[in-house]
Amino acid sequence: MTDMTNRLPSRELQEHLWVFPMDYPIKLIGLAGAELHQAVHDIIVKHFPDFDTNSMTVTPSRTGKYHSITAQLRFEEVEQVHAIYADLAACPLIKTAL
């Protein structure tokens, strides 16, 4: 899990257990709105140009203040994981990435 308040990925990722290529769902949480959706779209497409962003699922919080966005990504190497999480951590609209 990555807590975006400190803007650094957790080092408890157990990277030695990863086998590439791997399919991995990422879940992002931020304030509801078109800006969040566009930011997530831009970051994912930057790292996965062929990704179909229509496959992302968006779930509003009970109050509707936050949205959870889930995307299934296919990582080919560990550097992709680090690169996308670095961009997600740098985005002020994303509060948490799991």
PDB file of N, CA and C in Angstrom:
ATOM      1  N   MET A   1       0.848  -1.168   0.000  1.00  0.00           N
ATOM      2  CA  MET A   1       0.000   0.000   0.000  1.00  0.00           C
ATOM      3  C   MET A   1       0.895   1.232   0.000  1.00  0.00           C
ATOM      4  N   THR A   2       0.466   2.261  -0.702  1.00  0.00           N
ATOM      5  CA  THR A   2       1.212   3.499  -0.732  1.00  0.00           C
ATOM      6  C   THR A   2       0.350   4.597  -0.141  1.00  0.00           C
ATOM      7  N   ASP A   3       0.842   5.270   0.869  1.00  0.00           N
ATOM      8  CA  ASP A   3       0.145   6.390   1.471  1.00  0.00           C
ATOM      9  C   ASP A   3       0.673   7.655   0.816  1.00  0.00           C
ATOM     10  N   MET A   4      -0.178   8.373   0.105  1.00  0.00           N
ATOM     11  CA  MET A   4       0.263   9.525  -0.651  1.00  0.00           C
ATOM     12  C   MET A   4       0.519  10.745   0.220  1.00  0.00           C
ATOM     13  N   THR A   5       0.202  10.671   1.506  1.00  0.00           N
ATOM     14  CA  THR A   5       0.464  11.834   2.347  1.00  0.00           C
ATOM     15  C   THR A   5       1.956  12.039   2.535  1.00  0.00           C
ATOM     16  N   ASN A   6       2.732  10.969   2.522  1.00  0.00           N
ATOM     17  CA  ASN A   6       4.176  11.153   2.623  1.00  0.00           C
ATOM     18  C   ASN A   6       4.846  11.082   1.263  1.00  0.00           C
ATOM     19  N   ARG A   7       4.110  10.802   0.236  1.00  0.00           N
ATOM     20  CA  ARG A   7       4.548  10.816  -1.148  1.00  0.00           C
ATOM     21  C   ARG A   7       5.633   9.804  -1.482  1.00  0.00           C
ATOM     22  N   LEU A   8       5.820   8.795  -0.650  1.00  0.00           N
ATOM     23  CA  LEU A   8       6.816   7.770  -0.926  1.00  0.00           C
ATOM     24  C   LEU A   8       6.164   6.402  -0.911  1.00  0.00           C
ATOM     25  N   PRO A   9       6.516   5.529  -1.875  1.00  0.00           N
ATOM     26  CA  PRO A   9       5.954   4.179  -1.857  1.00  0.00           C
ATOM     27  C   PRO A   9       6.448   3.387  -0.659  1.00  0.00           C
ATOM     28  N   SER A  10       5.611   2.511  -0.194  1.00  0.00           N
ATOM     29  CA  SER A  10       5.991   1.627   0.904  1.00  0.00           C
ATOM     30  C   SER A  10       7.093   0.693   0.433  1.00  0.00           C
ATOM     31  N   ARG A  11       8.057   0.441   1.284  1.00  0.00           N
ATOM     32  CA  ARG A  11       9.130  -0.488   0.945  1.00  0.00           C
ATOM     33  C   ARG A  11       8.787  -1.898   1.404  1.00  0.00           C
ATOM     34  N   GLU A  12       7.551  -2.116   1.827  1.00  0.00           N
ATOM     35  CA  GLU A  12       7.097  -3.428   2.262  1.00  0.00           C
ATOM     36  C   GLU A  12       6.416  -4.165   1.121  1.00  0.00           C
ATOM     37  N   LEU A  13       6.855  -3.931  -0.089  1.00  0.00           N
ATOM     38  CA  LEU A  13       6.188  -4.484  -1.256  1.00  0.00           C
ATOM     39  C   LEU A  13       6.555  -5.931  -1.558  1.00  0.00           C
ATOM     40  N   GLN A  14       7.555  -6.477  -0.856  1.00  0.00           N
ATOM     41  CA  GLN A  14       7.959  -7.864  -1.053  1.00  0.00           C
ATOM     42  C   GLN A  14       8.330  -8.122  -2.524  1.00  0.00           C
ATOM     43  N   GLU A  15       9.142  -7.238  -3.070  1.00  0.00           N
ATOM     44  CA  GLU A  15       9.500  -7.326  -4.483  1.00  0.00           C
ATOM     45  C   GLU A  15      10.120  -8.669  -4.856  1.00  0.00           C
ATOM     46  N   HIS A  16      10.799  -9.301  -3.940  1.00  0.00           N
ATOM     47  CA  HIS A  16      11.439 -10.581  -4.249  1.00  0.00           C
ATOM     48  C   HIS A  16      10.421 -11.674  -4.586  1.00  0.00           C
ATOM     49  N   LEU A  17       9.154 -11.447  -4.279  1.00  0.00           N
ATOM     50  CA  LEU A  17       8.105 -12.426  -4.575  1.00  0.00           C
ATOM     51  C   LEU A  17       7.452 -12.194  -5.935  1.00  0.00           C
ATOM     52  N   TRP A  18       7.732 -11.068  -6.557  1.00  0.00           N
ATOM     53  CA  TRP A  18       7.095 -10.741  -7.824  1.00  0.00           C
ATOM     54  C   TRP A  18       7.666 -11.568  -8.959  1.00  0.00           C
ATOM     55  N   VAL A  19       6.795 -11.986  -9.850  1.00  0.00           N
ATOM     56  CA  VAL A  19       7.182 -12.719 -11.045  1.00  0.00           C
ATOM     57  C   VAL A  19       6.617 -11.967 -12.237  1.00  0.00           C
ATOM     58  N   PHE A  20       7.495 -11.578 -13.153  1.00  0.00           N
ATOM     59  CA  PHE A  20       7.080 -10.797 -14.318  1.00  0.00           C
ATOM     60  C   PHE A  20       7.068 -11.674 -15.551  1.00  0.00           C
ATOM     61  N   PRO A  21       6.126 -11.373 -16.468  1.00  0.00           N
ATOM     62  CA  PRO A  21       5.118 -10.318 -16.375  1.00  0.00           C
ATOM     63  C   PRO A  21       4.047 -10.685 -15.357  1.00  0.00           C
ATOM     64  N   MET A  22       3.392  -9.653 -14.810  1.00  0.00           N
ATOM     65  CA  MET A  22       2.326  -9.897 -13.836  1.00  0.00           C
ATOM     66  C   MET A  22       1.190  -8.913 -14.043  1.00  0.00           C
ATOM     67  N   ASP A  23      -0.013  -9.409 -13.826  1.00  0.00           N
ATOM     68  CA  ASP A  23      -1.195  -8.555 -13.833  1.00  0.00           C
ATOM     69  C   ASP A  23      -1.401  -8.083 -12.409  1.00  0.00           C
ATOM     70  N   TYR A  24      -1.623  -6.788 -12.270  1.00  0.00           N
ATOM     71  CA  TYR A  24      -1.729  -6.223 -10.925  1.00  0.00           C
ATOM     72  C   TYR A  24      -2.792  -5.131 -10.905  1.00  0.00           C
ATOM     73  N   PRO A  25      -3.747  -5.243 -10.007  1.00  0.00           N
ATOM     74  CA  PRO A  25      -4.754  -4.189  -9.910  1.00  0.00           C
ATOM     75  C   PRO A  25      -4.232  -3.043  -9.031  1.00  0.00           C
ATOM     76  N   ILE A  26      -4.340  -1.831  -9.523  1.00  0.00           N
ATOM     77  CA  ILE A  26      -4.022  -0.685  -8.676  1.00  0.00           C
ATOM     78  C   ILE A  26      -5.326   0.001  -8.327  1.00  0.00           C
ATOM     79  N   LYS A  27      -5.391   0.525  -7.124  1.00  0.00           N
ATOM     80  CA  LYS A  27      -6.581   1.221  -6.656  1.00  0.00           C
ATOM     81  C   LYS A  27      -6.131   2.585  -6.154  1.00  0.00           C
ATOM     82  N   LEU A  28      -6.761   3.622  -6.682  1.00  0.00           N
ATOM     83  CA  LEU A  28      -6.411   4.993  -6.356  1.00  0.00           C
ATOM     84  C   LEU A  28      -7.607   5.682  -5.742  1.00  0.00           C
ATOM     85  N   ILE A  29      -7.364   6.501  -4.741  1.00  0.00           N
ATOM     86  CA  ILE A  29      -8.449   7.216  -4.074  1.00  0.00           C
ATOM     87  C   ILE A  29      -8.121   8.702  -4.077  1.00  0.00           C
ATOM     88  N   GLY A  30      -9.115   9.493  -4.415  1.00  0.00           N
ATOM     89  CA  GLY A  30      -8.961  10.941  -4.413  1.00  0.00           C
ATOM     90  C   GLY A  30     -10.310  11.617  -4.371  1.00  0.00           C
ATOM     91  N   LEU A  31     -10.292  12.944  -4.262  1.00  0.00           N
ATOM     92  CA  LEU A  31     -11.540  13.702  -4.267  1.00  0.00           C
ATOM     93  C   LEU A  31     -12.254  13.497  -5.595  1.00  0.00           C
ATOM     94  N   ALA A  32     -13.551  13.267  -5.541  1.00  0.00           N
ATOM     95  CA  ALA A  32     -14.343  13.013  -6.738  1.00  0.00           C
ATOM     96  C   ALA A  32     -14.265  14.207  -7.681  1.00  0.00           C
ATOM     97  N   GLY A  33     -14.199  13.920  -8.966  1.00  0.00           N
ATOM     98  CA  GLY A  33     -14.219  14.985  -9.946  1.00  0.00           C
ATOM     99  C   GLY A  33     -13.514  14.607 -11.230  1.00  0.00           C
ATOM    100  N   ALA A  34     -13.804  15.363 -12.260  1.00  0.00           N
ATOM    101  CA  ALA A  34     -13.217  15.115 -13.571  1.00  0.00           C
ATOM    102  C   ALA A  34     -11.702  15.276 -13.553  1.00  0.00           C
ATOM    103  N   GLU A  35     -11.198  16.153 -12.698  1.00  0.00           N
ATOM    104  CA  GLU A  35      -9.748  16.374 -12.638  1.00  0.00           C
ATOM    105  C   GLU A  35      -9.026  15.110 -12.184  1.00  0.00           C
ATOM    106  N   LEU A  36      -9.574  14.426 -11.195  1.00  0.00           N
ATOM    107  CA  LEU A  36      -8.980  13.177 -10.725  1.00  0.00           C
ATOM    108  C   LEU A  36      -8.974  12.154 -11.839  1.00  0.00           C
ATOM    109  N   HIS A  37     -10.086  11.996 -12.502  1.00  0.00           N
ATOM    110  CA  HIS A  37     -10.202  10.997 -13.563  1.00  0.00           C
ATOM    111  C   HIS A  37      -9.208  11.292 -14.684  1.00  0.00           C
ATOM    112  N   GLN A  38      -9.063  12.558 -15.056  1.00  0.00           N
ATOM    113  CA  GLN A  38      -8.140  12.929 -16.123  1.00  0.00           C
ATOM    114  C   GLN A  38      -6.695  12.686 -15.704  1.00  0.00           C
ATOM    115  N   ALA A  39      -6.373  13.024 -14.461  1.00  0.00           N
ATOM    116  CA  ALA A  39      -5.007  12.816 -13.966  1.00  0.00           C
ATOM    117  C   ALA A  39      -4.654  11.333 -13.970  1.00  0.00           C
ATOM    118  N   VAL A  40      -5.562  10.490 -13.498  1.00  0.00           N
ATOM    119  CA  VAL A  40      -5.321   9.043 -13.477  1.00  0.00           C
ATOM    120  C   VAL A  40      -5.166   8.530 -14.909  1.00  0.00           C
ATOM    121  N   HIS A  41      -6.044   8.957 -15.776  1.00  0.00           N
ATOM    122  CA  HIS A  41      -5.961   8.569 -17.191  1.00  0.00           C
ATOM    123  C   HIS A  41      -4.596   8.934 -17.762  1.00  0.00           C
ATOM    124  N   ASP A  42      -4.166  10.167 -17.559  1.00  0.00           N
ATOM    125  CA  ASP A  42      -2.906  10.640 -18.128  1.00  0.00           C
ATOM    126  C   ASP A  42      -1.713   9.847 -17.601  1.00  0.00           C
ATOM    127  N   ILE A  43      -1.711   9.566 -16.313  1.00  0.00           N
ATOM    128  CA  ILE A  43      -0.592   8.821 -15.725  1.00  0.00           C
ATOM    129  C   ILE A  43      -0.554   7.389 -16.251  1.00  0.00           C
ATOM    130  N   ILE A  44      -1.696   6.734 -16.280  1.00  0.00           N
ATOM    131  CA  ILE A  44      -1.709   5.343 -16.744  1.00  0.00           C
ATOM    132  C   ILE A  44      -1.301   5.251 -18.209  1.00  0.00           C
ATOM    133  N   VAL A  45      -1.850   6.120 -19.046  1.00  0.00           N
ATOM    134  CA  VAL A  45      -1.546   6.072 -20.478  1.00  0.00           C
ATOM    135  C   VAL A  45      -0.075   6.442 -20.742  1.00  0.00           C
ATOM    136  N   LYS A  46       0.495   7.272 -19.903  1.00  0.00           N
ATOM    137  CA  LYS A  46       1.926   7.594 -20.042  1.00  0.00           C
ATOM    138  C   LYS A  46       2.768   6.321 -19.925  1.00  0.00           C
ATOM    139  N   HIS A  47       2.408   5.455 -19.005  1.00  0.00           N
ATOM    140  CA  HIS A  47       3.186   4.241 -18.751  1.00  0.00           C
ATOM    141  C   HIS A  47       2.697   3.034 -19.543  1.00  0.00           C
ATOM    142  N   PHE A  48       1.418   3.044 -19.912  1.00  0.00           N
ATOM    143  CA  PHE A  48       0.808   1.935 -20.654  1.00  0.00           C
ATOM    144  C   PHE A  48       0.002   2.535 -21.812  1.00  0.00           C
ATOM    145  N   PRO A  49       0.678   2.925 -22.906  1.00  0.00           N
ATOM    146  CA  PRO A  49       0.009   3.637 -24.004  1.00  0.00           C
ATOM    147  C   PRO A  49      -1.191   2.903 -24.601  1.00  0.00           C
ATOM    148  N   ASP A  50      -1.189   1.585 -24.558  1.00  0.00           N
ATOM    149  CA  ASP A  50      -2.282   0.811 -25.149  1.00  0.00           C
ATOM    150  C   ASP A  50      -3.397   0.493 -24.156  1.00  0.00           C
ATOM    151  N   PHE A  51      -3.295   1.010 -22.939  1.00  0.00           N
ATOM    152  CA  PHE A  51      -4.293   0.707 -21.916  1.00  0.00           C
ATOM    153  C   PHE A  51      -5.642   1.304 -22.293  1.00  0.00           C
ATOM    154  N   ASP A  52      -6.684   0.502 -22.166  1.00  0.00           N
ATOM    155  CA  ASP A  52      -8.053   0.960 -22.419  1.00  0.00           C
ATOM    156  C   ASP A  52      -8.612   1.537 -21.124  1.00  0.00           C
ATOM    157  N   THR A  53      -8.620   2.856 -21.017  1.00  0.00           N
ATOM    158  CA  THR A  53      -9.063   3.479 -19.776  1.00  0.00           C
ATOM    159  C   THR A  53     -10.558   3.281 -19.533  1.00  0.00           C
ATOM    160  N   ASN A  54     -11.287   2.818 -20.536  1.00  0.00           N
ATOM    161  CA  ASN A  54     -12.697   2.484 -20.318  1.00  0.00           C
ATOM    162  C   ASN A  54     -12.849   1.250 -19.430  1.00  0.00           C
ATOM    163  N   SER A  55     -11.759   0.491 -19.259  1.00  0.00           N
ATOM    164  CA  SER A  55     -11.819  -0.691 -18.408  1.00  0.00           C
ATOM    165  C   SER A  55     -11.652  -0.356 -16.924  1.00  0.00           C
ATOM    166  N   MET A  56     -11.321   0.895 -16.604  1.00  0.00           N
ATOM    167  CA  MET A  56     -11.195   1.293 -15.201  1.00  0.00           C
ATOM    168  C   MET A  56     -12.565   1.313 -14.551  1.00  0.00           C
ATOM    169  N   THR A  57     -12.600   0.959 -13.272  1.00  0.00           N
ATOM    170  CA  THR A  57     -13.857   1.060 -12.534  1.00  0.00           C
ATOM    171  C   THR A  57     -13.748   2.207 -11.541  1.00  0.00           C
ATOM    172  N   VAL A  58     -14.838   2.927 -11.403  1.00  0.00           N
ATOM    173  CA  VAL A  58     -14.909   4.062 -10.485  1.00  0.00           C
ATOM    174  C   VAL A  58     -16.009   3.783  -9.477  1.00  0.00           C
ATOM    175  N   THR A  59     -15.656   3.864  -8.212  1.00  0.00           N
ATOM    176  CA  THR A  59     -16.619   3.630  -7.144  1.00  0.00           C
ATOM    177  C   THR A  59     -16.656   4.857  -6.237  1.00  0.00           C
ATOM    178  N   PRO A  60     -17.812   5.500  -6.137  1.00  0.00           N
ATOM    179  CA  PRO A  60     -17.900   6.653  -5.233  1.00  0.00           C
ATOM    180  C   PRO A  60     -17.966   6.209  -3.775  1.00  0.00           C
ATOM    181  N   SER A  61     -17.478   7.065  -2.895  1.00  0.00           N
ATOM    182  CA  SER A  61     -17.611   6.793  -1.465  1.00  0.00           C
ATOM    183  C   SER A  61     -19.077   6.926  -1.071  1.00  0.00           C
ATOM    184  N   ARG A  62     -19.377   6.532   0.128  1.00  0.00           N
ATOM    185  CA  ARG A  62     -20.765   6.598   0.610  1.00  0.00           C
ATOM    186  C   ARG A  62     -21.324   8.007   0.491  1.00  0.00           C
ATOM    187  N   THR A  63     -20.509   9.004   0.785  1.00  0.00           N
ATOM    188  CA  THR A  63     -20.967  10.398   0.730  1.00  0.00           C
ATOM    189  C   THR A  63     -20.792  11.022  -0.650  1.00  0.00           C
ATOM    190  N   GLY A  64     -20.030  10.343  -1.520  1.00  0.00           N
ATOM    191  CA  GLY A  64     -19.785  10.872  -2.851  1.00  0.00           C
ATOM    192  C   GLY A  64     -18.630  11.861  -2.917  1.00  0.00           C
ATOM    193  N   LYS A  65     -17.979  12.112  -1.793  1.00  0.00           N
ATOM    194  CA  LYS A  65     -16.885  13.085  -1.766  1.00  0.00           C
ATOM    195  C   LYS A  65     -15.622  12.532  -2.435  1.00  0.00           C
ATOM    196  N   TYR A  66     -15.423  11.222  -2.343  1.00  0.00           N
ATOM    197  CA  TYR A  66     -14.230  10.587  -2.888  1.00  0.00           C
ATOM    198  C   TYR A  66     -14.603   9.561  -3.944  1.00  0.00           C
ATOM    199  N   HIS A  67     -13.665   9.314  -4.841  1.00  0.00           N
ATOM    200  CA  HIS A  67     -13.807   8.235  -5.807  1.00  0.00           C
ATOM    201  C   HIS A  67     -12.638   7.284  -5.651  1.00  0.00           C
ATOM    202  N   SER A  68     -12.928   6.016  -5.767  1.00  0.00           N
ATOM    203  CA  SER A  68     -11.912   4.977  -5.830  1.00  0.00           C
ATOM    204  C   SER A  68     -11.864   4.513  -7.286  1.00  0.00           C
ATOM    205  N   ILE A  69     -10.686   4.552  -7.866  1.00  0.00           N
ATOM    206  CA  ILE A  69     -10.505   4.144  -9.262  1.00  0.00           C
ATOM    207  C   ILE A  69      -9.604   2.921  -9.273  1.00  0.00           C
ATOM    208  N   THR A  70     -10.079   1.858  -9.918  1.00  0.00           N
ATOM    209  CA  THR A  70      -9.320   0.622  -9.999  1.00  0.00           C
ATOM    210  C   THR A  70      -8.989   0.335 -11.456  1.00  0.00           C
ATOM    211  N   ALA A  71      -7.727  -0.057 -11.672  1.00  0.00           N
ATOM    212  CA  ALA A  71      -7.282  -0.420 -13.022  1.00  0.00           C
ATOM    213  C   ALA A  71      -6.422  -1.670 -12.922  1.00  0.00           C
ATOM    214  N   GLN A  72      -6.634  -2.579 -13.838  1.00  0.00           N
ATOM    215  CA  GLN A  72      -5.827  -3.799 -13.913  1.00  0.00           C
ATOM    216  C   GLN A  72      -4.703  -3.526 -14.910  1.00  0.00           C
ATOM    217  N   LEU A  73      -3.458  -3.588 -14.435  1.00  0.00           N
ATOM    218  CA  LEU A  73      -2.309  -3.288 -15.287  1.00  0.00           C
ATOM    219  C   LEU A  73      -1.431  -4.515 -15.442  1.00  0.00           C
ATOM    220  N   ARG A  74      -0.786  -4.619 -16.588  1.00  0.00           N
ATOM    221  CA  ARG A  74       0.151  -5.730 -16.846  1.00  0.00           C
ATOM    222  C   ARG A  74       1.565  -5.161 -16.842  1.00  0.00           C
ATOM    223  N   PHE A  75       2.281  -5.464 -15.774  1.00  0.00           N
ATOM    224  CA  PHE A  75       3.651  -4.999 -15.627  1.00  0.00           C
ATOM    225  C   PHE A  75       4.607  -6.025 -16.224  1.00  0.00           C
ATOM    226  N   GLU A  76       5.552  -5.541 -17.009  1.00  0.00           N
ATOM    227  CA  GLU A  76       6.549  -6.396 -17.636  1.00  0.00           C
ATOM    228  C   GLU A  76       7.839  -6.458 -16.830  1.00  0.00           C
ATOM    229  N   GLU A  77       8.097  -5.420 -16.014  1.00  0.00           N
ATOM    230  CA  GLU A  77       9.326  -5.364 -15.226  1.00  0.00           C
ATOM    231  C   GLU A  77       9.127  -4.464 -14.016  1.00  0.00           C
ATOM    232  N   VAL A  78       9.964  -4.646 -13.026  1.00  0.00           N
ATOM    233  CA  VAL A  78       9.831  -3.924 -11.759  1.00  0.00           C
ATOM    234  C   VAL A  78       9.960  -2.412 -11.953  1.00  0.00           C
ATOM    235  N   GLU A  79      10.747  -1.989 -12.918  1.00  0.00           N
ATOM    236  CA  GLU A  79      10.927  -0.552 -13.149  1.00  0.00           C
ATOM    237  C   GLU A  79       9.614   0.134 -13.516  1.00  0.00           C
ATOM    238  N   GLN A  80       8.717  -0.589 -14.180  1.00  0.00           N
ATOM    239  CA  GLN A  80       7.401  -0.024 -14.495  1.00  0.00           C
ATOM    240  C   GLN A  80       6.613   0.266 -13.220  1.00  0.00           C
ATOM    241  N   VAL A  81       6.705  -0.629 -12.276  1.00  0.00           N
ATOM    242  CA  VAL A  81       5.990  -0.453 -11.001  1.00  0.00           C
ATOM    243  C   VAL A  81       6.493   0.808 -10.308  1.00  0.00           C
ATOM    244  N   HIS A  82       7.809   0.933 -10.202  1.00  0.00           N
ATOM    245  CA  HIS A  82       8.384   2.099  -9.527  1.00  0.00           C
ATOM    246  C   HIS A  82       8.050   3.394 -10.256  1.00  0.00           C
ATOM    247  N   ALA A  83       8.105   3.368 -11.574  1.00  0.00           N
ATOM    248  CA  ALA A  83       7.858   4.580 -12.361  1.00  0.00           C
ATOM    249  C   ALA A  83       6.420   5.070 -12.221  1.00  0.00           C
ATOM    250  N   ILE A  84       5.454   4.161 -12.320  1.00  0.00           N
ATOM    251  CA  ILE A  84       4.058   4.609 -12.243  1.00  0.00           C
ATOM    252  C   ILE A  84       3.717   5.071 -10.825  1.00  0.00           C
ATOM    253  N   TYR A  85       4.223   4.361  -9.808  1.00  0.00           N
ATOM    254  CA  TYR A  85       3.933   4.793  -8.443  1.00  0.00           C
ATOM    255  C   TYR A  85       4.604   6.125  -8.116  1.00  0.00           C
ATOM    256  N   ALA A  86       5.742   6.411  -8.723  1.00  0.00           N
ATOM    257  CA  ALA A  86       6.382   7.717  -8.529  1.00  0.00           C
ATOM    258  C   ALA A  86       5.500   8.821  -9.106  1.00  0.00           C
ATOM    259  N   ASP A  87       4.941   8.593 -10.283  1.00  0.00           N
ATOM    260  CA  ASP A  87       4.052   9.590 -10.877  1.00  0.00           C
ATOM    261  C   ASP A  87       2.750   9.725 -10.090  1.00  0.00           C
ATOM    262  N   LEU A  88       2.230   8.617  -9.601  1.00  0.00           N
ATOM    263  CA  LEU A  88       1.014   8.678  -8.790  1.00  0.00           C
ATOM    264  C   LEU A  88       1.273   9.442  -7.505  1.00  0.00           C
ATOM    265  N   ALA A  89       2.420   9.215  -6.897  1.00  0.00           N
ATOM    266  CA  ALA A  89       2.770   9.913  -5.644  1.00  0.00           C
ATOM    267  C   ALA A  89       2.953  11.404  -5.872  1.00  0.00           C
ATOM    268  N   ALA A  90       3.384  11.783  -7.063  1.00  0.00           N
ATOM    269  CA  ALA A  90       3.608  13.201  -7.368  1.00  0.00           C
ATOM    270  C   ALA A  90       2.315  13.939  -7.687  1.00  0.00           C
ATOM    271  N   CYS A  91       1.236  13.225  -7.898  1.00  0.00           N
ATOM    272  CA  CYS A  91      -0.041  13.859  -8.272  1.00  0.00           C
ATOM    273  C   CYS A  91      -0.796  14.285  -7.020  1.00  0.00           C
ATOM    274  N   PRO A  92      -1.028  15.581  -6.841  1.00  0.00           N
ATOM    275  CA  PRO A  92      -1.705  16.059  -5.636  1.00  0.00           C
ATOM    276  C   PRO A  92      -3.189  15.657  -5.550  1.00  0.00           C
ATOM    277  N   LEU A  93      -3.775  15.222  -6.658  1.00  0.00           N
ATOM    278  CA  LEU A  93      -5.178  14.833  -6.644  1.00  0.00           C
ATOM    279  C   LEU A  93      -5.402  13.431  -6.102  1.00  0.00           C
ATOM    280  N   ILE A  94      -4.337  12.623  -6.101  1.00  0.00           N
ATOM    281  CA  ILE A  94      -4.436  11.250  -5.618  1.00  0.00           C
ATOM    282  C   ILE A  94      -4.011  11.216  -4.164  1.00  0.00           C
ATOM    283  N   LYS A  95      -4.917  10.786  -3.311  1.00  0.00           N
ATOM    284  CA  LYS A  95      -4.646  10.753  -1.870  1.00  0.00           C
ATOM    285  C   LYS A  95      -4.023   9.446  -1.424  1.00  0.00           C
ATOM    286  N   THR A  96      -4.409   8.327  -2.039  1.00  0.00           N
ATOM    287  CA  THR A  96      -3.915   7.017  -1.669  1.00  0.00           C
ATOM    288  C   THR A  96      -3.844   6.127  -2.896  1.00  0.00           C
ATOM    289  N   ALA A  97      -2.793   5.320  -2.954  1.00  0.00           N
ATOM    290  CA  ALA A  97      -2.670   4.301  -3.989  1.00  0.00           C
ATOM    291  C   ALA A  97      -2.410   2.970  -3.322  1.00  0.00           C
ATOM    292  N   LEU A  98      -3.187   1.980  -3.679  1.00  0.00           N
ATOM    293  CA  LEU A  98      -3.037   0.634  -3.109  1.00  0.00           C
ATOM    294  C   LEU A  98      -2.594  -0.316  -4.194  1.00  0.00           C
TER     295      LEU A  98
END
